Amino acid sequence: MDAEIKESLATLGFTPENCRVLMLLPLVYVAWADGKLEEVEIARIDEIAKEKFHLGTRGLAILDNWLIERPSREYFNFGLQELFLLAQTEEGEPLIHPEELHELLAHAEAVARATEHALDAPNAVVPEEVAALKELAKVLGVDNGVSWRQLLDELDAGPASIQRGRLPMSRRAGA
């Protein structure tokens, strides 16, 4: 890892040893999108952290801080940009593989679908979370950020909307 990347990570409070916790920032971003965290969202993030990321003590402490107090907009922006840049590093073995960014968006949507009233219901994703998912997709450069809720809404609208010239979100360029 080059010195510039180490310095950027240090600005966010990371070391090379605990920087993989940064991969959970998109999930936390979506969970906080509506201004509050639900217990089920916290449980989902914890489950993903334990099963997929095997964080050490310092990484778990960073995650806990994000779940207790919402990081600032600037922190989210800088962290998400750093995450994207880490996946673009060409020298040596990358800390984050580009294909992992796709998985992060899927995990972030799983967090958005987690609500007290409807665990894993695609229509449980609130508009603020939809906007957060779109923003994540754009910053991480992974896909068009269309949630299952949007796709289901389009299916409910039926072919009439397509005949009127409205392409589904999943088929619009740059959506």
C-alpha atoms as a PDB file:
ATOM      1  CA  MET A   1       0.000   0.000   0.000  1.00  0.00           C
ATOM      2  CA  ASP A   2       1.475   3.327  -0.995  1.00  0.00           C
ATOM      3  CA  ALA A   3       1.973   6.252   1.373  1.00  0.00           C
ATOM      4  CA  GLU A   4      -0.805   8.368  -0.176  1.00  0.00           C
ATOM      5  CA  ILE A   5      -3.413   5.658   0.436  1.00  0.00           C
ATOM      6  CA  LYS A   6      -2.163   5.142   3.995  1.00  0.00           C
ATOM      7  CA  GLU A   7      -2.454   8.871   4.632  1.00  0.00           C
ATOM      8  CA  SER A   8      -5.999   9.014   3.255  1.00  0.00           C
ATOM      9  CA  LEU A   9      -7.029   6.043   5.364  1.00  0.00           C
ATOM     10  CA  ALA A  10      -5.461   7.615   8.454  1.00  0.00           C
ATOM     11  CA  THR A  11      -7.581  10.740   7.859  1.00  0.00           C
ATOM     12  CA  LEU A  12     -10.639   8.521   8.279  1.00  0.00           C
ATOM     13  CA  GLY A  13      -9.179   6.756  11.325  1.00  0.00           C
ATOM     14  CA  PHE A  14      -8.040   3.567   9.592  1.00  0.00           C
ATOM     15  CA  THR A  15      -4.846   1.594   9.390  1.00  0.00           C
ATOM     16  CA  PRO A  16      -4.037  -1.013   6.720  1.00  0.00           C
ATOM     17  CA  GLU A  17      -4.922  -3.663   9.307  1.00  0.00           C
ATOM     18  CA  ASN A  18      -8.476  -2.439   9.925  1.00  0.00           C
ATOM     19  CA  CYS A  19      -9.344  -0.678   6.671  1.00  0.00           C
ATOM     20  CA  ARG A  20     -11.675  -3.477   5.499  1.00  0.00           C
ATOM     21  CA  VAL A  21     -14.252  -2.074   7.910  1.00  0.00           C
ATOM     22  CA  LEU A  22     -14.533   0.724   5.352  1.00  0.00           C
ATOM     23  CA  MET A  23     -16.445  -1.798   3.224  1.00  0.00           C
ATOM     24  CA  LEU A  24     -19.288  -1.568   5.741  1.00  0.00           C
ATOM     25  CA  LEU A  25     -19.625   2.191   5.308  1.00  0.00           C
ATOM     26  CA  PRO A  26     -22.085   1.847   2.382  1.00  0.00           C
ATOM     27  CA  LEU A  27     -24.332  -0.337   4.554  1.00  0.00           C
ATOM     28  CA  VAL A  28     -24.191   2.175   7.386  1.00  0.00           C
ATOM     29  CA  TYR A  29     -24.858   5.002   4.912  1.00  0.00           C
ATOM     30  CA  VAL A  30     -28.067   3.354   3.714  1.00  0.00           C
ATOM     31  CA  ALA A  31     -29.127   2.442   7.253  1.00  0.00           C
ATOM     32  CA  TRP A  32     -28.814   6.088   8.349  1.00  0.00           C
ATOM     33  CA  ALA A  33     -30.441   7.440   5.143  1.00  0.00           C
ATOM     34  CA  ASP A  34     -33.822   8.002   6.797  1.00  0.00           C
ATOM     35  CA  GLY A  35     -32.207   9.668   9.819  1.00  0.00           C
ATOM     36  CA  LYS A  36     -32.522   6.757  12.246  1.00  0.00           C
ATOM     37  CA  LEU A  37     -31.324   3.215  12.742  1.00  0.00           C
ATOM     38  CA  GLU A  38     -33.676   0.369  13.510  1.00  0.00           C
ATOM     39  CA  GLU A  39     -32.510  -2.565  15.624  1.00  0.00           C
ATOM     40  CA  VAL A  40     -33.097  -4.916  12.706  1.00  0.00           C
ATOM     41  CA  GLU A  41     -30.787  -2.798  10.497  1.00  0.00           C
ATOM     42  CA  ILE A  42     -28.084  -2.907  13.150  1.00  0.00           C
ATOM     43  CA  ALA A  43     -28.540  -6.672  13.471  1.00  0.00           C
ATOM     44  CA  ARG A  44     -28.265  -7.089   9.691  1.00  0.00           C
ATOM     45  CA  ILE A  45     -25.079  -5.013   9.533  1.00  0.00           C
ATOM     46  CA  ASP A  46     -23.580  -6.938  12.470  1.00  0.00           C
ATOM     47  CA  GLU A  47     -24.453 -10.244  10.807  1.00  0.00           C
ATOM     48  CA  ILE A  48     -22.818  -9.209   7.523  1.00  0.00           C
ATOM     49  CA  ALA A  49     -19.778  -7.834   9.385  1.00  0.00           C
ATOM     50  CA  LYS A  50     -19.271 -11.113  11.246  1.00  0.00           C
ATOM     51  CA  GLU A  51     -20.003 -13.499   8.366  1.00  0.00           C
ATOM     52  CA  LYS A  52     -18.288 -11.671   5.510  1.00  0.00           C
ATOM     53  CA  PHE A  53     -15.631  -9.369   6.910  1.00  0.00           C
ATOM     54  CA  HIS A  54     -14.244 -11.037  10.054  1.00  0.00           C
ATOM     55  CA  LEU A  55     -13.281  -7.716  11.619  1.00  0.00           C
ATOM     56  CA  GLY A  56     -10.779  -7.385  14.406  1.00  0.00           C
ATOM     57  CA  THR A  57     -11.373  -5.520  17.650  1.00  0.00           C
ATOM     58  CA  ARG A  58     -10.438  -2.093  16.229  1.00  0.00           C
ATOM     59  CA  GLY A  59     -12.606  -2.606  13.135  1.00  0.00           C
ATOM     60  CA  LEU A  60     -15.589  -3.596  15.283  1.00  0.00           C
ATOM     61  CA  ALA A  61     -15.041  -0.518  17.459  1.00  0.00           C
ATOM     62  CA  ILE A  62     -15.142   1.720  14.372  1.00  0.00           C
ATOM     63  CA  LEU A  63     -18.327   0.013  13.177  1.00  0.00           C
ATOM     64  CA  ASP A  64     -19.918   0.379  16.622  1.00  0.00           C
ATOM     65  CA  ASN A  65     -19.153   4.107  16.589  1.00  0.00           C
ATOM     66  CA  TRP A  66     -20.847   4.470  13.185  1.00  0.00           C
ATOM     67  CA  LEU A  67     -23.912   2.663  14.523  1.00  0.00           C
ATOM     68  CA  ILE A  68     -24.101   4.768  17.689  1.00  0.00           C
ATOM     69  CA  GLU A  69     -23.505   8.169  16.120  1.00  0.00           C
ATOM     70  CA  ARG A  70     -24.232   8.992  12.505  1.00  0.00           C
ATOM     71  CA  PRO A  71     -21.039   9.931  10.646  1.00  0.00           C
ATOM     72  CA  SER A  72     -21.082  13.365   9.025  1.00  0.00           C
ATOM     73  CA  ARG A  73     -22.003  13.779   5.378  1.00  0.00           C
ATOM     74  CA  GLU A  74     -18.380  14.760   4.677  1.00  0.00           C
ATOM     75  CA  TYR A  75     -17.096  11.596   6.354  1.00  0.00           C
ATOM     76  CA  PHE A  76     -19.486   9.451   4.305  1.00  0.00           C
ATOM     77  CA  ASN A  77     -18.488  11.209   1.071  1.00  0.00           C
ATOM     78  CA  PHE A  78     -14.761  10.940   1.721  1.00  0.00           C
ATOM     79  CA  GLY A  79     -15.022   7.346   2.932  1.00  0.00           C
ATOM     80  CA  LEU A  80     -17.065   6.187  -0.051  1.00  0.00           C
ATOM     81  CA  GLN A  81     -14.639   7.853  -2.458  1.00  0.00           C
ATOM     82  CA  GLU A  82     -11.707   6.194  -0.677  1.00  0.00           C
ATOM     83  CA  LEU A  83     -13.474   2.851  -0.921  1.00  0.00           C
ATOM     84  CA  PHE A  84     -13.822   3.285  -4.677  1.00  0.00           C
ATOM     85  CA  LEU A  85     -10.159   4.315  -4.994  1.00  0.00           C
ATOM     86  CA  LEU A  86      -8.976   1.317  -2.967  1.00  0.00           C
ATOM     87  CA  ALA A  87     -10.719  -0.940  -5.478  1.00  0.00           C
ATOM     88  CA  GLN A  88      -8.916   0.832  -8.336  1.00  0.00           C
ATOM     89  CA  THR A  89      -5.391   0.365  -6.965  1.00  0.00           C
ATOM     90  CA  GLU A  90      -3.283  -1.377  -9.566  1.00  0.00           C
ATOM     91  CA  GLU A  91      -0.056  -2.070  -7.733  1.00  0.00           C
ATOM     92  CA  GLY A  92       0.204  -5.220  -5.648  1.00  0.00           C
ATOM     93  CA  GLU A  93      -2.734  -7.138  -4.238  1.00  0.00           C
ATOM     94  CA  PRO A  94      -5.678  -4.747  -3.787  1.00  0.00           C
ATOM     95  CA  LEU A  95      -7.202  -4.464  -0.331  1.00  0.00           C
ATOM     96  CA  ILE A  96     -10.599  -4.340  -2.010  1.00  0.00           C
ATOM     97  CA  HIS A  97     -11.342  -6.153  -5.236  1.00  0.00           C
ATOM     98  CA  PRO A  98     -13.553  -4.237  -7.706  1.00  0.00           C
ATOM     99  CA  GLU A  99     -16.106  -7.062  -7.833  1.00  0.00           C
ATOM    100  CA  GLU A 100     -16.599  -6.677  -4.083  1.00  0.00           C
ATOM    101  CA  LEU A 101     -18.153  -3.266  -4.731  1.00  0.00           C
ATOM    102  CA  HIS A 102     -21.064  -5.006  -6.462  1.00  0.00           C
ATOM    103  CA  GLU A 103     -21.564  -7.194  -3.403  1.00  0.00           C
ATOM    104  CA  LEU A 104     -21.536  -4.132  -1.167  1.00  0.00           C
ATOM    105  CA  LEU A 105     -24.436  -2.611  -3.066  1.00  0.00           C
ATOM    106  CA  ALA A 106     -26.383  -5.863  -2.672  1.00  0.00           C
ATOM    107  CA  HIS A 107     -25.613  -5.904   1.064  1.00  0.00           C
ATOM    108  CA  ALA A 108     -26.654  -2.243   1.325  1.00  0.00           C
ATOM    109  CA  GLU A 109     -29.991  -3.057  -0.287  1.00  0.00           C
ATOM    110  CA  ALA A 110     -30.444  -5.950   2.137  1.00  0.00           C
ATOM    111  CA  VAL A 111     -29.997  -3.459   4.967  1.00  0.00           C
ATOM    112  CA  ALA A 112     -32.560  -1.133   3.351  1.00  0.00           C
ATOM    113  CA  ARG A 113     -35.068  -4.003   3.149  1.00  0.00           C
ATOM    114  CA  ALA A 114     -34.626  -4.779   6.841  1.00  0.00           C
ATOM    115  CA  THR A 115     -37.417  -3.116   8.813  1.00  0.00           C
ATOM    116  CA  GLU A 116     -39.186  -3.998  12.040  1.00  0.00           C
ATOM    117  CA  HIS A 117     -42.434  -4.530  10.141  1.00  0.00           C
ATOM    118  CA  ALA A 118     -41.317  -6.348   7.020  1.00  0.00           C
ATOM    119  CA  LEU A 119     -37.979  -8.124   7.140  1.00  0.00           C
ATOM    120  CA  ASP A 120     -36.645  -8.487   3.587  1.00  0.00           C
ATOM    121  CA  ALA A 121     -39.698  -7.023   1.878  1.00  0.00           C
ATOM    122  CA  PRO A 122     -38.592  -5.231  -1.315  1.00  0.00           C
ATOM    123  CA  ASN A 123     -41.339  -2.631  -0.872  1.00  0.00           C
ATOM    124  CA  ALA A 124     -40.025  -1.751   2.606  1.00  0.00           C
ATOM    125  CA  VAL A 125     -37.268   0.411   1.108  1.00  0.00           C
ATOM    126  CA  VAL A 126     -38.127   4.051   1.845  1.00  0.00           C
ATOM    127  CA  PRO A 127     -37.440   6.870  -0.651  1.00  0.00           C
ATOM    128  CA  GLU A 128     -34.408   8.121   1.325  1.00  0.00           C
ATOM    129  CA  GLU A 129     -32.858   4.657   1.116  1.00  0.00           C
ATOM    130  CA  VAL A 130     -33.622   4.441  -2.609  1.00  0.00           C
ATOM    131  CA  ALA A 131     -31.789   7.750  -3.071  1.00  0.00           C
ATOM    132  CA  ALA A 132     -28.875   6.497  -0.942  1.00  0.00           C
ATOM    133  CA  LEU A 133     -28.634   3.285  -3.001  1.00  0.00           C
ATOM    134  CA  LYS A 134     -28.553   5.301  -6.237  1.00  0.00           C
ATOM    135  CA  GLU A 135     -25.867   7.553  -4.843  1.00  0.00           C
ATOM    136  CA  LEU A 136     -23.797   4.557  -3.704  1.00  0.00           C
ATOM    137  CA  ALA A 137     -24.057   2.973  -7.125  1.00  0.00           C
ATOM    138  CA  LYS A 138     -22.870   6.178  -8.741  1.00  0.00           C
ATOM    139  CA  VAL A 139     -19.953   6.789  -6.344  1.00  0.00           C
ATOM    140  CA  LEU A 140     -18.826   3.150  -6.431  1.00  0.00           C
ATOM    141  CA  GLY A 141     -19.410   2.886 -10.185  1.00  0.00           C
ATOM    142  CA  VAL A 142     -21.140  -0.486  -9.953  1.00  0.00           C
ATOM    143  CA  ASP A 143     -24.527  -0.326 -11.695  1.00  0.00           C
ATOM    144  CA  ASN A 144     -27.570   1.844 -12.060  1.00  0.00           C
ATOM    145  CA  GLY A 145     -28.595   1.449  -8.415  1.00  0.00           C
ATOM    146  CA  VAL A 146     -32.139   0.306  -9.069  1.00  0.00           C
ATOM    147  CA  SER A 147     -33.654  -1.288  -5.991  1.00  0.00           C
ATOM    148  CA  TRP A 148     -35.988  -4.262  -5.975  1.00  0.00           C
ATOM    149  CA  ARG A 149     -38.754  -1.915  -4.845  1.00  0.00           C
ATOM    150  CA  GLN A 150     -38.371   0.203  -7.983  1.00  0.00           C
ATOM    151  CA  LEU A 151     -38.325  -2.859 -10.199  1.00  0.00           C
ATOM    152  CA  LEU A 152     -41.466  -4.224  -8.533  1.00  0.00           C
ATOM    153  CA  ASP A 153     -43.182  -0.841  -8.857  1.00  0.00           C
ATOM    154  CA  GLU A 154     -42.393  -0.881 -12.569  1.00  0.00           C
ATOM    155  CA  LEU A 155     -43.791  -4.376 -12.925  1.00  0.00           C
ATOM    156  CA  ASP A 156     -46.968  -3.261 -11.135  1.00  0.00           C
ATOM    157  CA  ALA A 157     -47.277  -0.352 -13.578  1.00  0.00           C
ATOM    158  CA  GLY A 158     -47.358  -2.896 -16.372  1.00  0.00           C
ATOM    159  CA  PRO A 159     -46.575  -2.585 -20.047  1.00  0.00           C
ATOM    160  CA  ALA A 160     -48.801   0.477 -20.459  1.00  0.00           C
ATOM    161  CA  SER A 161     -46.101   2.743 -19.041  1.00  0.00           C
ATOM    162  CA  ILE A 162     -43.560   1.280 -21.474  1.00  0.00           C
ATOM    163  CA  GLN A 163     -45.973   1.833 -24.377  1.00  0.00           C
ATOM    164  CA  ARG A 164     -46.275   5.509 -23.350  1.00  0.00           C
ATOM    165  CA  GLY A 165     -42.523   5.782 -23.851  1.00  0.00           C
ATOM    166  CA  ARG A 166     -41.419   5.464 -20.228  1.00  0.00           C
ATOM    167  CA  LEU A 167     -38.605   2.977 -19.998  1.00  0.00           C
ATOM    168  CA  PRO A 168     -38.291   1.053 -16.754  1.00  0.00           C
ATOM    169  CA  MET A 169     -35.595   2.419 -14.420  1.00  0.00           C
ATOM    170  CA  SER A 170     -33.626  -0.762 -14.941  1.00  0.00           C
ATOM    171  CA  ARG A 171     -33.352  -0.051 -18.671  1.00  0.00           C
ATOM    172  CA  ARG A 172     -32.689   3.693 -18.682  1.00  0.00           C
ATOM    173  CA  ALA A 173     -29.162   4.813 -19.426  1.00  0.00           C
ATOM    174  CA  GLY A 174     -27.576   6.587 -16.521  1.00  0.00           C
ATOM    175  CA  ALA A 175     -30.516   6.044 -14.184  1.00  0.00           C
END
